[in-house]
PDB file of N, CA and C in Angstrom:
ATOM      1  N   MET A   1       2.531   6.756 -14.657  1.00  0.00           N
ATOM      2  CA  MET A   1       1.714   6.359 -13.938  1.00  0.00           C
ATOM      3  C   MET A   1       1.053   5.242 -13.110  1.00  0.00           C
ATOM      4  N   LEU A   2       1.297   4.262 -11.678  1.00  0.00           N
ATOM      5  CA  LEU A   2       1.207   3.192 -11.594  1.00  0.00           C
ATOM      6  C   LEU A   2       0.017   2.456 -11.703  1.00  0.00           C
ATOM      7  N   ILE A   3      -0.241   1.531 -12.817  1.00  0.00           N
ATOM      8  CA  ILE A   3      -1.834   1.158 -13.011  1.00  0.00           C
ATOM      9  C   ILE A   3      -1.574  -0.488 -12.157  1.00  0.00           C
ATOM     10  N   LEU A   4      -2.253  -1.358 -11.228  1.00  0.00           N
ATOM     11  CA  LEU A   4      -2.677  -2.354 -10.870  1.00  0.00           C
ATOM     12  C   LEU A   4      -3.434  -3.155 -11.806  1.00  0.00           C
ATOM     13  N   GLY A   5      -2.806  -4.102 -12.190  1.00  0.00           N
ATOM     14  CA  GLY A   5      -4.151  -5.169 -12.779  1.00  0.00           C
ATOM     15  C   GLY A   5      -4.897  -6.041 -12.214  1.00  0.00           C
ATOM     16  N   PRO A   6      -6.140  -6.668 -12.649  1.00  0.00           N
ATOM     17  CA  PRO A   6      -6.736  -7.632 -12.023  1.00  0.00           C
ATOM     18  C   PRO A   6      -6.040  -8.605 -11.215  1.00  0.00           C
ATOM     19  N   LYS A   7      -4.662  -8.788 -11.400  1.00  0.00           N
ATOM     20  CA  LYS A   7      -3.985 -10.244 -11.332  1.00  0.00           C
ATOM     21  C   LYS A   7      -3.279  -9.629  -9.960  1.00  0.00           C
ATOM     22  N   ALA A   8      -3.282  -8.495  -9.789  1.00  0.00           N
ATOM     23  CA  ALA A   8      -2.153  -7.970  -8.435  1.00  0.00           C
ATOM     24  C   ALA A   8      -2.815  -7.916  -7.298  1.00  0.00           C
ATOM     25  N   ASN A   9      -2.076  -8.998  -6.612  1.00  0.00           N
ATOM     26  CA  ASN A   9      -2.400  -8.586  -4.970  1.00  0.00           C
ATOM     27  C   ASN A   9      -1.637  -7.588  -4.417  1.00  0.00           C
ATOM     28  N   ARG A  10      -3.112  -6.717  -2.934  1.00  0.00           N
ATOM     29  CA  ARG A  10      -1.852  -5.848  -2.145  1.00  0.00           C
ATOM     30  C   ARG A  10      -2.287  -6.857  -0.773  1.00  0.00           C
ATOM     31  N   TYR A  11      -0.679  -6.196   0.037  1.00  0.00           N
ATOM     32  CA  TYR A  11      -1.105  -7.225   1.520  1.00  0.00           C
ATOM     33  C   TYR A  11      -0.491  -6.214   1.827  1.00  0.00           C
ATOM     34  N   ARG A  12      -1.411  -5.996   3.553  1.00  0.00           N
ATOM     35  CA  ARG A  12      -0.881  -5.384   4.777  1.00  0.00           C
ATOM     36  C   ARG A  12       0.578  -6.302   5.353  1.00  0.00           C
ATOM     37  N   PHE A  13       0.897  -5.297   6.458  1.00  0.00           N
ATOM     38  CA  PHE A  13       1.495  -6.196   7.173  1.00  0.00           C
ATOM     39  C   PHE A  13       0.530  -5.685   8.884  1.00  0.00           C
ATOM     40  N   ALA A  14       1.235  -5.566   9.751  1.00  0.00           N
ATOM     41  CA  ALA A  14       0.825  -5.194  11.186  1.00  0.00           C
ATOM     42  C   ALA A  14       0.785  -3.648  11.259  1.00  0.00           C
ATOM     43  N   SER A  15       2.143  -3.255  10.366  1.00  0.00           N
ATOM     44  CA  SER A  15       2.421  -1.753  10.915  1.00  0.00           C
ATOM     45  C   SER A  15       1.263  -0.962   9.934  1.00  0.00           C
ATOM     46  N   LYS A  16       0.499  -1.367   9.145  1.00  0.00           N
ATOM     47  CA  LYS A  16      -0.785  -0.902   8.324  1.00  0.00           C
ATOM     48  C   LYS A  16       0.050  -0.053   7.971  1.00  0.00           C
ATOM     49  N   THR A  17       0.990   0.332   7.036  1.00  0.00           N
ATOM     50  CA  THR A  17       2.065   1.273   6.490  1.00  0.00           C
ATOM     51  C   THR A  17       1.769   2.189   5.182  1.00  0.00           C
ATOM     52  N   THR A  18       1.600   0.170   4.471  1.00  0.00           N
ATOM     53  CA  THR A  18       2.646  -0.065   3.295  1.00  0.00           C
ATOM     54  C   THR A  18       1.413  -1.087   2.747  1.00  0.00           C
ATOM     55  N   ASP A  19       0.858  -0.587   1.478  1.00  0.00           N
ATOM     56  CA  ASP A  19       0.529  -1.944   0.599  1.00  0.00           C
ATOM     57  C   ASP A  19       1.804  -2.623  -0.272  1.00  0.00           C
ATOM     58  N   TYR A  20       2.021  -3.527   0.111  1.00  0.00           N
ATOM     59  CA  TYR A  20       3.495  -4.451  -1.088  1.00  0.00           C
ATOM     60  C   TYR A  20       1.643  -4.779  -2.013  1.00  0.00           C
ATOM     61  N   ILE A  21       2.978  -5.402  -3.143  1.00  0.00           N
ATOM     62  CA  ILE A  21       2.071  -5.573  -4.643  1.00  0.00           C
ATOM     63  C   ILE A  21       2.860  -6.681  -5.036  1.00  0.00           C
ATOM     64  N   LEU A  22       1.632  -8.061  -4.837  1.00  0.00           N
ATOM     65  CA  LEU A  22       1.970  -9.476  -4.284  1.00  0.00           C
ATOM     66  C   LEU A  22       1.291  -9.396  -6.670  1.00  0.00           C
ATOM     67  N   CYS A  23       2.040 -10.664  -7.174  1.00  0.00           N
ATOM     68  CA  CYS A  23       1.725 -11.030  -8.648  1.00  0.00           C
ATOM     69  C   CYS A  23       0.727 -12.071  -8.119  1.00  0.00           C
ATOM     70  N   GLY A  24       0.161 -11.469  -8.286  1.00  0.00           N
ATOM     71  CA  GLY A  24      -1.942 -12.960  -7.992  1.00  0.00           C
ATOM     72  C   GLY A  24      -1.720 -14.032  -8.526  1.00  0.00           C
ATOM     73  N   ARG A  25      -0.790 -14.789  -9.370  1.00  0.00           N
ATOM     74  CA  ARG A  25       0.007 -15.927 -10.340  1.00  0.00           C
ATOM     75  C   ARG A  25       0.794 -17.110  -9.736  1.00  0.00           C
ATOM     76  N   CYS A  26       1.647 -16.127  -9.337  1.00  0.00           N
ATOM     77  CA  CYS A  26       2.458 -16.505  -8.860  1.00  0.00           C
ATOM     78  C   CYS A  26       3.208 -16.246  -6.958  1.00  0.00           C
ATOM     79  N   GLY A  27       2.593 -14.679  -5.917  1.00  0.00           N
ATOM     80  CA  GLY A  27       3.302 -14.644  -5.102  1.00  0.00           C
ATOM     81  C   GLY A  27       4.032 -13.983  -4.783  1.00  0.00           C
ATOM     82  N   ALA A  28       4.750 -13.538  -5.884  1.00  0.00           N
ATOM     83  CA  ALA A  28       5.643 -12.401  -5.699  1.00  0.00           C
ATOM     84  C   ALA A  28       6.172 -11.239  -5.244  1.00  0.00           C
ATOM     85  N   TYR A  29       7.019 -11.451  -4.602  1.00  0.00           N
ATOM     86  CA  TYR A  29       6.927  -9.667  -4.852  1.00  0.00           C
ATOM     87  C   TYR A  29       7.231  -8.138  -5.561  1.00  0.00           C
ATOM     88  N   VAL A  30       5.922  -8.121  -6.184  1.00  0.00           N
ATOM     89  CA  VAL A  30       6.231  -6.813  -7.126  1.00  0.00           C
ATOM     90  C   VAL A  30       6.905  -5.055  -7.205  1.00  0.00           C
ATOM     91  N   GLY A  31       6.377  -4.766  -5.138  1.00  0.00           N
ATOM     92  CA  GLY A  31       6.478  -3.085  -4.947  1.00  0.00           C
ATOM     93  C   GLY A  31       5.601  -3.181  -3.722  1.00  0.00           C
ATOM     94  N   ALA A  32       5.566  -1.826  -4.129  1.00  0.00           N
ATOM     95  CA  ALA A  32       4.861  -1.379  -2.584  1.00  0.00           C
ATOM     96  C   ALA A  32       5.074   0.024  -2.848  1.00  0.00           C
ATOM     97  N   VAL A  33       3.934  -0.080  -2.753  1.00  0.00           N
ATOM     98  CA  VAL A  33       3.013   2.173  -2.295  1.00  0.00           C
ATOM     99  C   VAL A  33       2.959   2.297  -1.360  1.00  0.00           C
ATOM    100  N   ALA A  34       2.754   3.480  -0.668  1.00  0.00           N
ATOM    101  CA  ALA A  34       2.921   3.594   0.822  1.00  0.00           C
ATOM    102  C   ALA A  34       2.375   5.697   0.310  1.00  0.00           C
ATOM    103  N   GLU A  35       1.327   5.854   1.469  1.00  0.00           N
ATOM    104  CA  GLU A  35       1.459   7.314   1.410  1.00  0.00           C
ATOM    105  C   GLU A  35       1.353   7.856   3.246  1.00  0.00           C
ATOM    106  N   ILE A  36       2.137   8.833   2.055  1.00  0.00           N
ATOM    107  CA  ILE A  36       3.198   9.322   3.110  1.00  0.00           C
ATOM    108  C   ILE A  36       3.195  11.110   3.546  1.00  0.00           C
ATOM    109  N   GLU A  37       2.567  11.489   4.489  1.00  0.00           N
ATOM    110  CA  GLU A  37       2.127  13.019   4.529  1.00  0.00           C
ATOM    111  C   GLU A  37       1.312  13.960   3.078  1.00  0.00           C
ATOM    112  N   ARG A  38      -0.470  12.440   2.619  1.00  0.00           N
ATOM    113  CA  ARG A  38      -1.060  12.718   1.950  1.00  0.00           C
ATOM    114  C   ARG A  38       0.126  13.252   0.875  1.00  0.00           C
ATOM    115  N   ALA A  39       0.496  11.923   0.153  1.00  0.00           N
ATOM    116  CA  ALA A  39       1.468  12.248  -1.887  1.00  0.00           C
ATOM    117  C   ALA A  39       2.061  10.485  -0.830  1.00  0.00           C
ATOM    118  N   THR A  40       1.285  10.532  -2.394  1.00  0.00           N
ATOM    119  CA  THR A  40       1.244   8.529  -2.530  1.00  0.00           C
ATOM    120  C   THR A  40       2.935   8.019  -3.542  1.00  0.00           C
ATOM    121  N   TYR A  41       3.285   7.409  -3.307  1.00  0.00           N
ATOM    122  CA  TYR A  41       5.579   6.951  -3.162  1.00  0.00           C
ATOM    123  C   TYR A  41       4.660   5.655  -2.878  1.00  0.00           C
ATOM    124  N   ALA A  42       5.631   4.720  -4.381  1.00  0.00           N
ATOM    125  CA  ALA A  42       6.181   3.684  -4.827  1.00  0.00           C
ATOM    126  C   ALA A  42       7.212   3.189  -5.113  1.00  0.00           C
ATOM    127  N   THR A  43       7.059   1.434  -5.017  1.00  0.00           N
ATOM    128  CA  THR A  43       8.894   1.615  -5.272  1.00  0.00           C
ATOM    129  C   THR A  43       8.399  -0.125  -5.928  1.00  0.00           C
ATOM    130  N   LEU A  44       9.603  -0.582  -7.015  1.00  0.00           N
ATOM    131  CA  LEU A  44       9.020  -1.613  -7.708  1.00  0.00           C
ATOM    132  C   LEU A  44      10.452  -2.439  -7.726  1.00  0.00           C
ATOM    133  N   ASN A  45      10.009  -3.602  -7.491  1.00  0.00           N
ATOM    134  CA  ASN A  45      10.745  -4.685  -7.437  1.00  0.00           C
ATOM    135  C   ASN A  45      11.700  -5.027  -8.648  1.00  0.00           C
ATOM    136  N   LEU A  46      12.505  -4.550  -9.507  1.00  0.00           N
ATOM    137  CA  LEU A  46      12.689  -4.674 -11.406  1.00  0.00           C
ATOM    138  C   LEU A  46      12.752  -5.830 -11.114  1.00  0.00           C
ATOM    139  N   ASN A  47      13.415  -6.660 -10.245  1.00  0.00           N
ATOM    140  CA  ASN A  47      13.628  -8.442 -10.184  1.00  0.00           C
ATOM    141  C   ASN A  47      13.319  -9.054 -10.776  1.00  0.00           C
ATOM    142  N   ALA A  48      11.416  -7.969 -11.031  1.00  0.00           N
ATOM    143  CA  ALA A  48      10.058  -9.672 -11.597  1.00  0.00           C
ATOM    144  C   ALA A  48       9.852  -9.305 -12.551  1.00  0.00           C
ATOM    145  N   PHE A  49       9.892  -8.364 -13.229  1.00  0.00           N
ATOM    146  CA  PHE A  49       9.887  -7.875 -14.422  1.00  0.00           C
ATOM    147  C   PHE A  49      10.892  -9.710 -15.170  1.00  0.00           C
ATOM    148  N   ASP A  50      10.591  -9.546 -16.507  1.00  0.00           N
ATOM    149  CA  ASP A  50      11.326  -9.891 -17.729  1.00  0.00           C
ATOM    150  C   ASP A  50      11.834  -9.024 -18.073  1.00  0.00           C
ATOM    151  N   ASP A  51      12.480  -8.107 -17.937  1.00  0.00           N
ATOM    152  CA  ASP A  51      13.208  -7.108 -19.379  1.00  0.00           C
ATOM    153  C   ASP A  51      14.679  -7.374 -19.316  1.00  0.00           C
ATOM    154  N   PRO A  52      15.536  -7.975 -20.338  1.00  0.00           N
ATOM    155  CA  PRO A  52      17.303  -8.053 -20.050  1.00  0.00           C
ATOM    156  C   PRO A  52      17.557  -6.875 -21.112  1.00  0.00           C
ATOM    157  N   ARG A  53      17.244  -5.837 -20.346  1.00  0.00           N
ATOM    158  CA  ARG A  53      17.785  -5.031 -20.988  1.00  0.00           C
ATOM    159  C   ARG A  53      19.114  -4.672 -18.999  1.00  0.00           C
ATOM    160  N   LEU A  54      18.682  -5.017 -18.557  1.00  0.00           N
ATOM    161  CA  LEU A  54      17.855  -4.507 -16.670  1.00  0.00           C
ATOM    162  C   LEU A  54      19.203  -6.189 -16.630  1.00  0.00           C
ATOM    163  N   ASP A  55      20.415  -5.716 -15.762  1.00  0.00           N
ATOM    164  CA  ASP A  55      21.477  -6.259 -15.093  1.00  0.00           C
ATOM    165  C   ASP A  55      21.100  -5.880 -13.862  1.00  0.00           C
ATOM    166  N   LEU A  56      20.970  -6.337 -13.017  1.00  0.00           N
ATOM    167  CA  LEU A  56      20.364  -5.707 -11.841  1.00  0.00           C
ATOM    168  C   LEU A  56      20.899  -6.732 -10.332  1.00  0.00           C
ATOM    169  N   THR A  57      21.628  -6.805  -9.573  1.00  0.00           N
ATOM    170  CA  THR A  57      22.616  -7.301  -8.508  1.00  0.00           C
ATOM    171  C   THR A  57      21.861  -6.900  -7.064  1.00  0.00           C
ATOM    172  N   ALA A  58      21.095  -7.645  -6.367  1.00  0.00           N
ATOM    173  CA  ALA A  58      20.368  -7.696  -5.232  1.00  0.00           C
ATOM    174  C   ALA A  58      21.555  -7.355  -4.045  1.00  0.00           C
ATOM    175  N   ALA A  59      21.091  -6.596  -2.998  1.00  0.00           N
ATOM    176  CA  ALA A  59      21.470  -6.524  -2.615  1.00  0.00           C
ATOM    177  C   ALA A  59      21.109  -6.747  -0.912  1.00  0.00           C
ATOM    178  N   PRO A  60      22.045  -7.995  -0.067  1.00  0.00           N
ATOM    179  CA  PRO A  60      21.025  -7.720   1.726  1.00  0.00           C
ATOM    180  C   PRO A  60      20.554  -6.454   2.710  1.00  0.00           C
ATOM    181  N   VAL A  61      19.781  -6.679   2.494  1.00  0.00           N
ATOM    182  CA  VAL A  61      19.499  -5.094   3.301  1.00  0.00           C
ATOM    183  C   VAL A  61      18.326  -5.176   5.054  1.00  0.00           C
ATOM    184  N   ASP A  62      19.031  -4.608   5.576  1.00  0.00           N
ATOM    185  CA  ASP A  62      17.745  -4.779   6.903  1.00  0.00           C
ATOM    186  C   ASP A  62      17.443  -3.245   8.048  1.00  0.00           C
ATOM    187  N   TYR A  63      16.145  -3.260   7.874  1.00  0.00           N
ATOM    188  CA  TYR A  63      15.540  -1.908   8.630  1.00  0.00           C
ATOM    189  C   TYR A  63      15.351  -2.778   9.802  1.00  0.00           C
ATOM    190  N   ASP A  64      15.234  -3.710  10.832  1.00  0.00           N
ATOM    191  CA  ASP A  64      14.990  -3.504  11.382  1.00  0.00           C
ATOM    192  C   ASP A  64      14.934  -2.703  12.223  1.00  0.00           C
ATOM    193  N   GLY A  65      14.737  -2.508  13.042  1.00  0.00           N
ATOM    194  CA  GLY A  65      14.883  -1.396  14.728  1.00  0.00           C
ATOM    195  C   GLY A  65      14.860  -0.519  14.260  1.00  0.00           C
ATOM    196  N   GLU A  66      13.946   0.406  12.693  1.00  0.00           N
ATOM    197  CA  GLU A  66      14.071   1.711  11.963  1.00  0.00           C
ATOM    198  C   GLU A  66      12.155   2.017  12.864  1.00  0.00           C
ATOM    199  N   SER A  67      12.729   3.277  13.682  1.00  0.00           N
ATOM    200  CA  SER A  67      11.132   3.672  13.622  1.00  0.00           C
ATOM    201  C   SER A  67      10.587   3.948  12.651  1.00  0.00           C
ATOM    202  N   PRO A  68       9.284   4.696  12.476  1.00  0.00           N
ATOM    203  CA  PRO A  68       8.265   4.717  11.677  1.00  0.00           C
ATOM    204  C   PRO A  68       8.453   6.030  10.805  1.00  0.00           C
ATOM    205  N   ALA A  69       9.383   7.451  11.695  1.00  0.00           N
ATOM    206  CA  ALA A  69       9.752   8.389  11.546  1.00  0.00           C
ATOM    207  C   ALA A  69      10.872   8.685  11.028  1.00  0.00           C
ATOM    208  N   GLU A  70      11.821   7.116  10.698  1.00  0.00           N
ATOM    209  CA  GLU A  70      13.002   6.821   9.831  1.00  0.00           C
ATOM    210  C   GLU A  70      12.093   5.982   8.837  1.00  0.00           C
ATOM    211  N   LYS A  71      11.484   5.245   8.803  1.00  0.00           N
ATOM    212  CA  LYS A  71      10.415   4.303   8.369  1.00  0.00           C
ATOM    213  C   LYS A  71       9.966   5.324   6.805  1.00  0.00           C
ATOM    214  N   ALA A  72       9.249   5.955   7.235  1.00  0.00           N
ATOM    215  CA  ALA A  72       8.820   7.569   5.622  1.00  0.00           C
ATOM    216  C   ALA A  72      10.142   8.334   5.106  1.00  0.00           C
ATOM    217  N   ALA A  73      10.830   8.564   6.677  1.00  0.00           N
ATOM    218  CA  ALA A  73      11.673   9.352   5.207  1.00  0.00           C
ATOM    219  C   ALA A  73      12.504   8.685   4.736  1.00  0.00           C
ATOM    220  N   ARG A  74      13.040   7.472   5.026  1.00  0.00           N
ATOM    221  CA  ARG A  74      13.755   7.324   3.738  1.00  0.00           C
ATOM    222  C   ARG A  74      12.753   6.040   2.883  1.00  0.00           C
ATOM    223  N   ARG A  75      11.596   5.907   2.813  1.00  0.00           N
ATOM    224  CA  ARG A  75      10.805   5.772   1.248  1.00  0.00           C
ATOM    225  C   ARG A  75      10.495   6.901   0.614  1.00  0.00           C
ATOM    226  N   ARG A  76      10.126   8.136   1.777  1.00  0.00           N
ATOM    227  CA  ARG A  76       9.879   9.789   0.843  1.00  0.00           C
ATOM    228  C   ARG A  76      11.201   9.793   0.011  1.00  0.00           C
ATOM    229  N   ALA A  77      12.347   9.490   0.018  1.00  0.00           N
ATOM    230  CA  ALA A  77      13.429  10.178  -0.126  1.00  0.00           C
ATOM    231  C   ALA A  77      14.444   9.207  -1.459  1.00  0.00           C
ATOM    232  N   ARG A  78      13.379   7.553  -0.635  1.00  0.00           N
ATOM    233  CA  ARG A  78      14.178   6.727  -2.465  1.00  0.00           C
ATOM    234  C   ARG A  78      12.847   6.102  -2.927  1.00  0.00           C
ATOM    235  N   TRP A  79      11.861   6.189  -3.188  1.00  0.00           N
ATOM    236  CA  TRP A  79      10.680   5.156  -3.460  1.00  0.00           C
ATOM    237  C   TRP A  79      10.807   7.152  -4.251  1.00  0.00           C
ATOM    238  N   THR A  80       9.683   6.321  -5.421  1.00  0.00           N
ATOM    239  CA  THR A  80       9.250   7.589  -6.519  1.00  0.00           C
ATOM    240  C   THR A  80       7.412   7.924  -6.121  1.00  0.00           C
ATOM    241  N   PRO A  81       7.639   9.492  -6.345  1.00  0.00           N
ATOM    242  CA  PRO A  81       5.852   9.519  -6.069  1.00  0.00           C
ATOM    243  C   PRO A  81       5.429   9.260  -6.977  1.00  0.00           C
ATOM    244  N   ALA A  82       4.264   8.743  -6.375  1.00  0.00           N
ATOM    245  CA  ALA A  82       3.148   8.293  -7.363  1.00  0.00           C
ATOM    246  C   ALA A  82       1.451   8.297  -7.996  1.00  0.00           C
ATOM    247  N   ARG A  83       0.896   8.253  -8.624  1.00  0.00           N
ATOM    248  CA  ARG A  83      -0.177   8.316  -8.375  1.00  0.00           C
ATOM    249  C   ARG A  83      -0.839   6.688  -8.910  1.00  0.00           C
ATOM    250  N   LEU A  84      -2.220   6.375  -8.417  1.00  0.00           N
ATOM    251  CA  LEU A  84      -2.462   5.700  -8.893  1.00  0.00           C
ATOM    252  C   LEU A  84      -3.573   5.407  -9.569  1.00  0.00           C
ATOM    253  N   ALA A  85      -3.707   4.724  -9.913  1.00  0.00           N
ATOM    254  CA  ALA A  85      -5.515   4.164 -11.497  1.00  0.00           C
ATOM    255  C   ALA A  85      -6.432   3.236 -10.929  1.00  0.00           C
TER     256      ALA A  85
END
């Protein structure tokens, strides 16, 4: 279960399909939450968390040109089903 604390801010871009979660102190991108076909999905930016066990390498991505249906399908396939509290 993903619990958003009082220091988390949500932001929606123009497409209004996803809530992006930003740190309320520094503004860093922490993750995102979307409702797709009446199910909730979430993704986290693990690089935003302080965990010495993680050895992550960022890879550039480009989702420009994705249709709304393609975007929803990608998120449904790659994001984690979530329940927000």
